[in-house]
Amino acid sequence: MGCRQSSEEKEAARRSRRIDRHLRSESQRQRREIKLLLLGTSNSGKSTIVKQMKIIHSGGFNLEACKEYKPLILYNAIDSLTRIIRALTTLKIDFHNPDRNTASVGPCWFFPLVI
């Protein structure tokens, strides 16, 4: 009786204050969060932008992601070089230089991707 709160009411008030604090902090966090909507057709580079932002702002990729991307990177490099060589041949561009010997191509050209 009277003006005293029961233990249940005190607990409910504490819980309410805790929830209010959480809601305020979450609201502040969301105000600082920047949302970006990337629109574009398929293969327009949307996922590339996301990956670059992750590299720049999140410290890059973890070891698991690096292992996952290694074969794809190697394939893309080999595929690109193959296409360049085929294009040079198709366009009849001489890429052979008799002044350059094969010894000038050192191990820096074929570095291993160690992960």
Protein backbone atom coordinates (compact mmCIF):
# COMPACT_ATOMS: atom_id res chain seq x y z
CA MET A 1 0.00 0.00 0.00
CA GLY A 2 1.08 3.57 -0.39
CA CYS A 3 3.70 5.01 -2.74
CA ARG A 4 6.25 2.20 -2.65
CA GLN A 5 7.01 0.19 -5.78
CA SER A 6 6.96 -3.56 -5.67
CA SER A 7 10.07 -5.48 -6.71
CA GLU A 8 8.31 -6.44 -9.94
CA GLU A 9 7.64 -2.78 -10.76
CA LYS A 10 11.27 -1.89 -10.00
CA GLU A 11 12.49 -4.66 -12.29
CA ALA A 12 10.08 -3.53 -15.02
CA ALA A 13 11.34 0.07 -14.68
CA ARG A 14 14.98 -1.13 -14.89
CA ARG A 15 14.17 -3.21 -17.94
CA SER A 16 12.39 -0.25 -19.54
CA ARG A 17 15.41 2.05 -18.90
CA ARG A 18 17.75 -0.60 -20.37
CA ILE A 19 15.58 -0.91 -23.48
CA ASP A 20 15.40 2.89 -23.82
CA ARG A 21 19.22 3.15 -23.57
CA HIS A 22 19.60 0.43 -26.19
CA LEU A 23 17.13 2.16 -28.52
CA ARG A 24 18.94 5.52 -28.13
CA SER A 25 22.36 3.98 -28.82
CA GLU A 26 20.99 2.04 -31.81
CA SER A 27 19.39 5.21 -33.15
CA GLN A 28 22.72 7.08 -32.85
CA ARG A 29 24.56 4.23 -34.57
CA GLN A 30 22.07 4.19 -37.44
CA ARG A 31 22.42 7.97 -37.90
CA ARG A 32 26.19 7.49 -38.41
CA GLU A 33 25.68 4.57 -40.80
CA ILE A 34 25.83 5.40 -44.48
CA LYS A 35 23.69 3.33 -46.81
CA LEU A 36 24.48 3.15 -50.49
CA LEU A 37 22.19 1.75 -53.15
CA LEU A 38 24.12 0.45 -56.14
CA LEU A 39 22.02 0.20 -59.27
CA GLY A 40 23.15 -1.22 -62.56
CA THR A 41 22.76 -3.98 -65.06
CA SER A 42 24.43 -7.32 -64.58
CA ASN A 43 28.20 -7.29 -65.07
CA SER A 44 28.32 -3.51 -64.55
CA GLY A 45 30.69 -3.74 -61.58
CA LYS A 46 28.37 -3.48 -58.56
CA SER A 47 29.99 -6.35 -56.67
CA THR A 48 33.44 -5.06 -57.66
CA ILE A 49 32.66 -1.76 -55.93
CA VAL A 50 31.55 -3.62 -52.80
CA LYS A 51 34.72 -5.73 -52.78
CA GLN A 52 36.92 -2.65 -53.24
CA MET A 53 35.14 -0.86 -50.38
CA LYS A 54 35.68 -3.93 -48.21
CA ILE A 55 39.40 -3.97 -49.05
CA ILE A 56 39.76 -0.24 -48.37
CA HIS A 57 37.62 0.12 -45.24
CA SER A 58 37.46 -3.30 -43.59
CA GLY A 59 41.08 -4.38 -43.66
CA GLY A 60 40.76 -6.57 -46.73
CA PHE A 61 39.84 -10.20 -47.03
CA ASN A 62 40.42 -12.95 -44.52
CA LEU A 63 42.58 -15.99 -45.29
CA GLU A 64 39.57 -18.08 -46.32
CA ALA A 65 38.47 -15.49 -48.90
CA CYS A 66 42.04 -15.19 -50.22
CA LYS A 67 42.21 -18.95 -50.74
CA GLU A 68 38.84 -18.83 -52.47
CA TYR A 69 39.87 -16.05 -54.89
CA LYS A 70 43.39 -17.33 -55.69
CA PRO A 71 42.35 -19.73 -58.51
CA LEU A 72 40.05 -17.10 -60.01
CA ILE A 73 42.83 -14.48 -60.04
CA LEU A 74 45.26 -16.92 -61.65
CA TYR A 75 42.68 -17.93 -64.25
CA ASN A 76 41.90 -14.28 -65.07
CA ALA A 77 45.60 -13.43 -65.44
CA ILE A 78 46.28 -16.40 -67.75
CA ASP A 79 43.08 -15.78 -69.73
CA SER A 80 43.94 -12.09 -70.19
CA LEU A 81 47.47 -12.84 -71.37
CA THR A 82 46.17 -15.51 -73.76
CA ARG A 83 43.66 -13.07 -75.25
CA ILE A 84 46.35 -10.39 -75.66
CA ILE A 85 48.66 -12.83 -77.46
CA ARG A 86 45.82 -14.02 -79.73
CA ALA A 87 44.86 -10.42 -80.52
CA LEU A 88 48.45 -9.58 -81.40
CA THR A 89 48.52 -12.56 -83.75
CA THR A 90 45.13 -11.73 -85.27
CA LEU A 91 46.11 -8.11 -85.82
CA LYS A 92 49.47 -9.24 -87.20
CA ILE A 93 51.39 -7.24 -84.62
CA ASP A 94 54.91 -8.58 -84.22
CA PHE A 95 55.56 -9.04 -80.53
CA HIS A 96 58.88 -10.77 -81.01
CA ASN A 97 61.90 -8.57 -80.39
CA PRO A 98 65.19 -10.18 -81.54
CA ASP A 99 67.19 -7.74 -79.37
CA ARG A 100 65.54 -9.11 -76.26
CA ASN A 101 66.76 -12.49 -75.10
CA THR A 102 64.77 -14.84 -72.91
CA ALA A 103 67.26 -14.46 -70.06
CA SER A 104 65.98 -10.91 -69.49
CA VAL A 105 62.68 -12.31 -68.24
CA GLY A 106 63.53 -12.98 -64.64
CA PRO A 107 61.63 -14.65 -61.85
CA CYS A 108 59.81 -11.40 -61.06
CA TRP A 109 57.52 -12.14 -64.01
CA PHE A 110 56.37 -15.42 -62.53
CA PHE A 111 55.97 -14.76 -58.83
CA PRO A 112 54.04 -17.35 -56.85
CA LEU A 113 50.86 -16.27 -55.09
CA VAL A 114 51.63 -17.60 -51.63
CA ILE A 115 48.72 -17.62 -49.23
